[in-house]
Amino acid sequence: MVVADAQEQEFSLDQYLKEKKTIVEAALDQSVVIDEPVTVYEAMRYSLLAGGKRLRPILCLAACEMLGGTAEMAMNTACALEMIHTMSLIHDDLPAMDNDDLRRGKPTNHKVYGEDIAILAGDGLLSYAFEYVARTKNVPAERLLQVVIRLGQAVGAEGLVGGQVVDLQSEGKTDITEETLTFIHTHKTGALLEVCVTSGAILAGATEAEILKLQKYAQNIGLAFQIVDDILDITQTAEELGKTAGKDLDAQKATYPSIWGLEKSKAEAQRLTEEAIASLGEYGEGAAPLKALAEYIVNRKN
């Protein structure tokens, strides 16, 4: 046990993220190639390859490997998760949604290609994501089916779409409760982060009990992620964030700092992170990447 603890302490998240991001970037570059009509493929690639932390695909890979799977088994799903995430960013930035001009330090998709192509580029990435999961080799079909079902739930009306609807309907209202805010973020942000972790586990052949434990981990880091996002929106500059700062305040959106204040928000994000890490205790050094990723989420600066 002493040896395992020493090995876990030696784990380098920086090195892990660098290695995983390199292979994810290469896989993403190969996942969507230019075809006809050229414009929409260019628009898809513009946002898909625009950089970012690649946190979602890395969570998928880490969960799969923790339970004995391989990066190869999970890579198609990892790429699909980034396609879905990218779609959500393209659509979220549109004038009808958050009306943003900057994403990952670059002009948003609709600023480059127009609103019509941006919508279609997002649609293209969303539909292709499911096909890409189904093309996975050397994984039993029943596991892939479970991943596809969970992806559909995470991105649809009971997940991301539902959270976005309530978010839009809540703008400008002064009576948004903590319960409503938590509903928005567990659906809009948390559902996709949760499926990143659970899909990796499913691909590795996780038991139902293991999936439930990882759901708890993911739900905690998902909410912590959004609390930190709310904090960063009011404490960081646009240059630091790579996107427009102060958007939540300008849009009169309810946020955790607006309800709790900054200090309580920071404390709650830390509590959720600690709970997430504690839920992985039985996995020993194999859980080092997921534990470190939880810490990374709460301590990030963009």
Protein backbone atom coordinates (compact mmCIF):
# COMPACT_ATOMS: atom_id res chain seq x y z
CA MET A 1 0.00 0.00 0.00
CA VAL A 2 2.90 2.35 0.79
CA VAL A 3 4.36 1.68 -2.66
CA ALA A 4 1.04 2.41 -4.38
CA ASP A 5 0.69 5.69 -2.47
CA ALA A 6 4.19 6.73 -3.48
CA GLN A 7 3.43 5.93 -7.12
CA GLU A 8 0.21 7.93 -6.96
CA GLN A 9 2.05 10.94 -5.53
CA GLU A 10 4.50 10.77 -8.43
CA PHE A 11 1.71 11.02 -11.00
CA SER A 12 2.24 14.07 -13.21
CA LEU A 13 -1.02 15.54 -14.50
CA ASP A 14 0.84 17.97 -16.75
CA GLN A 15 2.63 15.11 -18.48
CA TYR A 16 -0.55 13.03 -18.64
CA LEU A 17 -2.57 15.86 -20.18
CA LYS A 18 0.19 16.59 -22.68
CA GLU A 19 0.40 12.96 -23.80
CA LYS A 20 -3.37 12.42 -23.97
CA LYS A 21 -4.05 15.73 -25.67
CA THR A 22 -1.49 14.89 -28.37
CA ILE A 23 -3.16 11.61 -29.26
CA VAL A 24 -6.65 13.11 -29.04
CA GLU A 25 -5.68 16.00 -31.34
CA ALA A 26 -4.24 13.56 -33.88
CA ALA A 27 -7.37 11.40 -33.74
CA LEU A 28 -9.67 14.42 -34.12
CA ASP A 29 -7.71 15.63 -37.14
CA GLN A 30 -8.27 12.26 -38.82
CA SER A 31 -11.91 11.96 -37.74
CA VAL A 32 -13.33 14.72 -39.96
CA VAL A 33 -11.73 15.15 -43.39
CA ILE A 34 -12.61 17.70 -46.05
CA ASP A 35 -15.26 16.51 -48.49
CA GLU A 36 -18.08 18.08 -50.52
CA PRO A 37 -19.54 20.55 -49.80
CA VAL A 38 -16.19 21.94 -48.71
CA THR A 39 -17.53 24.92 -46.74
CA VAL A 40 -19.39 22.93 -44.12
CA TYR A 41 -16.48 20.52 -43.59
CA GLU A 42 -14.14 23.46 -43.19
CA ALA A 43 -16.50 25.00 -40.66
CA MET A 44 -16.72 21.71 -38.74
CA ARG A 45 -12.94 21.40 -38.63
CA TYR A 46 -12.48 25.08 -37.76
CA SER A 47 -14.21 24.66 -34.42
CA LEU A 48 -13.31 21.01 -33.78
CA LEU A 49 -9.58 21.69 -34.17
CA ALA A 50 -9.56 25.12 -32.51
CA GLY A 51 -7.74 23.87 -29.44
CA GLY A 52 -9.08 23.70 -25.92
CA LYS A 53 -8.25 21.48 -22.98
CA ARG A 54 -9.79 18.32 -24.50
CA LEU A 55 -11.00 17.52 -20.99
CA ARG A 56 -14.04 15.52 -22.12
CA PRO A 57 -12.26 13.00 -24.35
CA ILE A 58 -9.47 12.68 -21.77
CA LEU A 59 -12.01 11.86 -19.04
CA CYS A 60 -13.39 9.13 -21.30
CA LEU A 61 -9.94 7.66 -21.91
CA ALA A 62 -9.00 7.85 -18.22
CA ALA A 63 -12.16 6.06 -17.06
CA CYS A 64 -11.75 3.33 -19.68
CA GLU A 65 -8.11 2.71 -18.77
CA MET A 66 -8.79 2.76 -15.02
CA LEU A 67 -11.15 -0.19 -15.47
CA GLY A 68 -8.76 -2.20 -17.64
CA GLY A 69 -9.69 -0.94 -21.09
CA THR A 70 -7.42 0.71 -23.63
CA ALA A 71 -7.22 4.10 -25.31
CA GLU A 72 -7.84 2.38 -28.64
CA MET A 73 -11.18 1.00 -27.40
CA ALA A 74 -12.33 4.45 -26.27
CA MET A 75 -10.81 6.77 -28.88
CA ASN A 76 -13.78 6.88 -31.28
CA THR A 77 -16.12 7.69 -28.41
CA ALA A 78 -13.65 10.23 -27.02
CA CYS A 79 -13.61 11.99 -30.39
CA ALA A 80 -17.40 11.80 -30.62
CA LEU A 81 -17.70 13.48 -27.22
CA GLU A 82 -15.50 16.33 -28.43
CA MET A 83 -17.62 16.62 -31.59
CA ILE A 84 -20.76 16.93 -29.45
CA HIS A 85 -19.10 19.42 -27.13
CA THR A 86 -17.93 21.48 -30.12
CA MET A 87 -21.44 21.45 -31.56
CA SER A 88 -22.76 22.79 -28.27
CA LEU A 89 -20.20 25.62 -28.32
CA ILE A 90 -20.97 26.57 -31.93
CA HIS A 91 -24.70 26.71 -31.21
CA ASP A 92 -24.26 28.34 -27.79
CA ASP A 93 -22.32 31.21 -29.36
CA LEU A 94 -25.04 32.02 -31.91
CA PRO A 95 -26.92 35.36 -31.70
CA ALA A 96 -30.11 33.51 -30.75
CA MET A 97 -28.32 31.95 -27.77
CA ASP A 98 -25.39 33.68 -26.00
CA ASN A 99 -24.41 35.89 -28.97
CA ASP A 100 -20.65 35.61 -28.50
CA ASP A 101 -17.82 36.73 -30.78
CA LEU A 102 -14.90 34.85 -29.22
CA ARG A 103 -14.28 31.18 -28.49
CA ARG A 104 -10.95 29.59 -27.52
CA GLY A 105 -9.25 32.85 -28.40
CA LYS A 106 -10.61 32.87 -31.97
CA PRO A 107 -13.66 34.36 -33.72
CA THR A 108 -16.72 32.17 -33.15
CA ASN A 109 -17.87 29.92 -35.98
CA HIS A 110 -20.74 32.11 -37.13
CA LYS A 111 -18.44 35.15 -37.26
CA VAL A 112 -16.27 33.31 -39.80
CA TYR A 113 -18.81 31.26 -41.78
CA GLY A 114 -22.15 32.96 -41.10
CA GLU A 115 -25.01 31.83 -38.90
CA ASP A 116 -26.47 29.44 -41.47
CA ILE A 117 -23.26 27.45 -42.00
CA ALA A 118 -22.47 27.52 -38.27
CA ILE A 119 -25.82 25.88 -37.47
CA LEU A 120 -25.25 23.24 -40.14
CA ALA A 121 -21.65 22.64 -39.04
CA GLY A 122 -22.94 21.95 -35.52
CA ASP A 123 -25.61 19.63 -36.90
CA GLY A 124 -23.00 17.83 -38.97
CA LEU A 125 -20.75 17.24 -35.97
CA LEU A 126 -23.65 16.03 -33.82
CA SER A 127 -24.91 13.46 -36.30
CA TYR A 128 -21.43 12.26 -37.22
CA ALA A 129 -20.56 11.73 -33.55
CA PHE A 130 -23.07 8.86 -33.28
CA GLU A 131 -21.82 7.28 -36.48
CA TYR A 132 -18.26 7.55 -35.23
CA VAL A 133 -19.07 5.69 -32.00
CA ALA A 134 -20.77 2.93 -34.00
CA ARG A 135 -17.64 2.51 -36.12
CA THR A 136 -15.59 1.45 -33.09
CA LYS A 137 -13.78 -1.85 -33.59
CA ASN A 138 -12.92 -4.57 -31.05
CA VAL A 139 -15.67 -3.56 -28.60
CA PRO A 140 -18.82 -5.69 -28.13
CA ALA A 141 -21.85 -4.25 -29.91
CA GLU A 142 -23.97 -4.22 -26.73
CA ARG A 143 -21.46 -1.89 -25.07
CA LEU A 144 -21.52 0.46 -28.04
CA LEU A 145 -25.32 0.45 -27.96
CA GLN A 146 -25.29 1.48 -24.30
CA VAL A 147 -22.87 4.31 -25.09
CA VAL A 148 -25.06 5.54 -27.97
CA ILE A 149 -28.15 5.50 -25.73
CA ARG A 150 -26.39 7.46 -22.99
CA LEU A 151 -24.98 9.95 -25.50
CA GLY A 152 -28.48 10.56 -26.86
CA GLN A 153 -29.83 11.14 -23.36
CA ALA A 154 -26.97 13.48 -22.44
CA VAL A 155 -27.34 15.71 -25.49
CA GLY A 156 -31.14 15.67 -25.88
CA ALA A 157 -34.06 17.27 -24.06
CA GLU A 158 -33.33 15.36 -20.85
CA GLY A 159 -29.75 16.63 -20.91
CA LEU A 160 -27.96 19.47 -22.68
CA VAL A 161 -30.95 20.72 -24.69
CA GLY A 162 -33.20 20.80 -21.64
CA GLY A 163 -30.61 22.66 -19.60
CA GLN A 164 -30.12 25.20 -22.38
CA VAL A 165 -33.87 25.83 -22.64
CA VAL A 166 -34.24 26.56 -18.92
CA ASP A 167 -31.08 28.68 -19.07
CA LEU A 168 -32.53 30.83 -21.86
CA GLN A 169 -35.89 31.11 -20.11
CA SER A 170 -34.17 32.23 -16.90
CA GLU A 171 -32.21 35.13 -18.37
CA GLY A 172 -33.07 38.51 -16.86
CA LYS A 173 -35.15 37.00 -14.05
CA THR A 174 -34.27 37.99 -10.50
CA ASP A 175 -36.06 35.15 -8.73
CA ILE A 176 -34.04 32.17 -10.02
CA THR A 177 -33.61 29.68 -7.19
CA GLU A 178 -30.59 27.57 -6.35
CA GLU A 179 -32.61 24.51 -7.39
CA THR A 180 -33.33 25.96 -10.85
CA LEU A 181 -29.69 26.96 -11.31
CA THR A 182 -28.53 23.48 -10.35
CA PHE A 183 -31.05 21.96 -12.78
CA ILE A 184 -29.63 24.12 -15.59
CA HIS A 185 -26.05 23.17 -14.95
CA THR A 186 -26.49 19.48 -14.17
CA HIS A 187 -28.23 19.21 -17.54
CA LYS A 188 -26.44 21.78 -19.69
CA THR A 189 -22.88 21.03 -18.50
CA GLY A 190 -22.98 18.09 -16.14
CA ALA A 191 -24.82 15.59 -18.35
CA LEU A 192 -22.11 15.60 -21.02
CA LEU A 193 -19.29 15.40 -18.47
CA GLU A 194 -21.09 12.47 -16.83
CA VAL A 195 -21.40 10.53 -20.07
CA CYS A 196 -17.72 11.15 -20.79
CA VAL A 197 -16.83 9.19 -17.68
CA THR A 198 -19.55 6.53 -17.83
CA SER A 199 -19.06 5.81 -21.53
CA GLY A 200 -15.37 5.13 -20.94
CA ALA A 201 -16.29 2.77 -18.15
CA ILE A 202 -18.93 0.97 -20.24
CA LEU A 203 -16.49 0.45 -23.10
CA ALA A 204 -14.10 -1.22 -20.64
CA GLY A 205 -16.85 -3.59 -19.45
CA ALA A 206 -17.73 -1.92 -16.14
CA THR A 207 -20.27 -3.49 -13.82
CA GLU A 208 -23.47 -1.63 -12.92
CA ALA A 209 -22.03 -0.90 -9.47
CA GLU A 210 -18.87 0.59 -11.00
CA ILE A 211 -20.91 2.74 -13.36
CA LEU A 212 -22.96 4.11 -10.45
CA LYS A 213 -19.80 5.06 -8.55
CA LEU A 214 -18.38 6.81 -11.58
CA GLN A 215 -21.70 8.59 -12.12
CA LYS A 216 -21.35 10.06 -8.63
CA TYR A 217 -17.78 11.13 -9.37
CA ALA A 218 -18.84 12.72 -12.65
CA GLN A 219 -21.89 14.49 -11.20
CA ASN A 220 -19.69 16.08 -8.55
CA ILE A 221 -17.00 17.26 -10.96
CA GLY A 222 -19.67 18.44 -13.41
CA LEU A 223 -21.24 20.77 -10.86
CA ALA A 224 -17.83 21.86 -9.59
CA PHE A 225 -16.84 22.64 -13.19
CA GLN A 226 -19.81 24.97 -13.65
CA ILE A 227 -19.33 26.71 -10.31
CA VAL A 228 -15.72 27.40 -11.29
CA ASP A 229 -16.91 28.62 -14.72
CA ASP A 230 -19.23 31.09 -12.99
CA ILE A 231 -16.37 32.28 -10.77
CA LEU A 232 -13.96 32.69 -13.68
CA ASP A 233 -16.51 34.67 -15.69
CA ILE A 234 -16.33 37.47 -13.14
CA THR A 235 -12.69 37.17 -12.01
CA GLN A 236 -10.73 36.60 -15.25
CA THR A 237 -10.13 38.69 -18.36
CA ALA A 238 -11.15 37.76 -21.91
CA GLU A 239 -7.48 37.15 -22.72
CA GLU A 240 -7.16 34.71 -19.82
CA LEU A 241 -10.43 32.94 -20.62
CA GLY A 242 -10.10 32.82 -24.42
CA LYS A 243 -13.72 33.95 -24.59
CA THR A 244 -15.69 37.05 -23.64
CA ALA A 245 -15.51 37.76 -19.92
CA GLY A 246 -18.46 39.08 -17.90
CA LYS A 247 -21.06 37.58 -20.25
CA ASP A 248 -23.18 36.16 -17.43
CA LEU A 249 -23.45 39.55 -15.74
CA ASP A 250 -24.25 41.34 -19.00
CA ALA A 251 -26.96 38.78 -19.83
CA GLN A 252 -28.38 39.04 -16.30
CA LYS A 253 -27.91 35.34 -15.76
CA ALA A 254 -28.21 33.74 -12.35
CA THR A 255 -24.89 32.26 -11.27
CA TYR A 256 -23.59 30.56 -8.14
CA PRO A 257 -21.57 33.64 -7.08
CA SER A 258 -24.67 35.83 -7.53
CA ILE A 259 -26.62 33.53 -5.20
CA TRP A 260 -23.91 32.41 -2.75
CA GLY A 261 -21.12 34.95 -3.14
CA LEU A 262 -17.58 34.15 -4.27
CA GLU A 263 -16.24 32.58 -1.08
CA LYS A 264 -19.10 30.13 -0.59
CA SER A 265 -18.98 29.26 -4.31
CA LYS A 266 -15.27 28.44 -4.06
CA ALA A 267 -15.86 26.36 -0.93
CA GLU A 268 -18.69 24.40 -2.57
CA ALA A 269 -16.59 23.66 -5.65
CA GLN A 270 -13.83 22.36 -3.38
CA ARG A 271 -16.28 20.22 -1.38
CA LEU A 272 -17.68 18.62 -4.54
CA THR A 273 -14.17 17.91 -5.78
CA GLU A 274 -13.19 16.24 -2.53
CA GLU A 275 -16.31 14.06 -2.66
CA ALA A 276 -15.53 13.11 -6.25
CA ILE A 277 -12.00 12.06 -5.32
CA ALA A 278 -13.19 10.13 -2.27
CA SER A 279 -15.57 8.07 -4.43
CA LEU A 280 -12.56 6.61 -6.29
CA GLY A 281 -10.73 5.42 -3.19
CA GLU A 282 -10.95 1.69 -3.95
CA TYR A 283 -9.20 2.02 -7.31
CA GLY A 284 -5.79 2.96 -5.87
CA GLU A 285 -3.12 4.25 -8.22
CA GLY A 286 -5.27 3.43 -11.25
CA ALA A 287 -7.53 6.31 -10.29
CA ALA A 288 -4.68 8.85 -10.18
CA PRO A 289 -5.63 10.47 -13.54
CA LEU A 290 -9.30 10.91 -12.60
CA LYS A 291 -8.42 12.24 -9.15
CA ALA A 292 -5.93 14.69 -10.61
CA LEU A 293 -8.43 15.77 -13.27
CA ALA A 294 -10.94 16.58 -10.52
CA GLU A 295 -8.36 18.80 -8.83
CA TYR A 296 -7.52 20.37 -12.17
CA ILE A 297 -11.17 21.31 -12.75
CA VAL A 298 -11.48 23.18 -9.47
CA ASN A 299 -8.10 24.92 -9.76
CA ARG A 300 -8.17 25.89 -13.45
CA LYS A 301 -7.84 29.49 -14.58
CA ASN A 302 -9.76 29.26 -17.89
